[in-house]
Amino acid sequence: MGVPTVLDHVVLAGPELGAIVDGFERATGVRAAAGGRHPTGTANALVALTHRGARTRQYLELIGPDAEAGFSADEVPRFGIDRLAAEGVDSQVVSFAIAPASLEAAVVDARAAGFAYGDPEPLSRATPDGRELAWRLALPEDERRPPFLIDWGATPHPALEAALPTIELVALRRLARDPAAEAARFAALGIEVGDGSGALQVVGSEADGFELEVAVGEGTIVIR
């Protein structure tokens, strides 16, 4: 089991950001730091991910509606937040992002392999201290088929901010009804699949989903 080398961040979404932060703290003892607000009606909190105790350019994003701006969960389709609210789900690992060497080339390669991705588009968020962080994204046309692709450009990577709390990431696993097809899709995007330390595990399951395994105390817990 392991962590994909190209992983940028994992997304834990839900209908209420405060509840996600509280739930994560109860499960792990780590309280996510406020990240900021997006123009898409969402707000987030962040936890930096470590590997063998060392900081990496990888993080966990806890995301929900931007309540301060008046958004409710049923108004936010991004990451299926409206669906999670309708189903009564407090939080769920819903997606992950990879950081390819070239965003444009990764989109071309994905399309050539038959996987529909949109053109790269700019996005940003305002941080609590008034800064604006900017990046570019390329999203799959079907958001239920992650990953999405990200390029931070000249923006300092948020995972390296010294003030962020940390947690050790042990493994990220994709649960899939058709693991062979999922493995082929990931391989076309340059993601190593398998049981190696730098690979994404793809595991057969009755329903698509994710497992995020993190170290807590002397053991580990799995967040789905």
Foldseek 3Di string as FASTA:
>chain_A
DAAAPQFQEWEKEEFDLVLVQVVVCVVFVFGFAWFFDWPQQKGWTKAFADAPPHTDNYIYIYMHGPVVVPDGQCSHPVLHHNVRVVVVHGIFGRETEGEDPDLVVLCVLLVVVPFAKADKDKIWGAGPVGDIQIWIKIAGPPSSLDDIYIGRPPGDRPSPPPPTHYWYWGAKEWEDQDQVVSCVSCVSSVAAEDDDHNHYDYHYDPDTGMWTWTDHDPRIDIGD
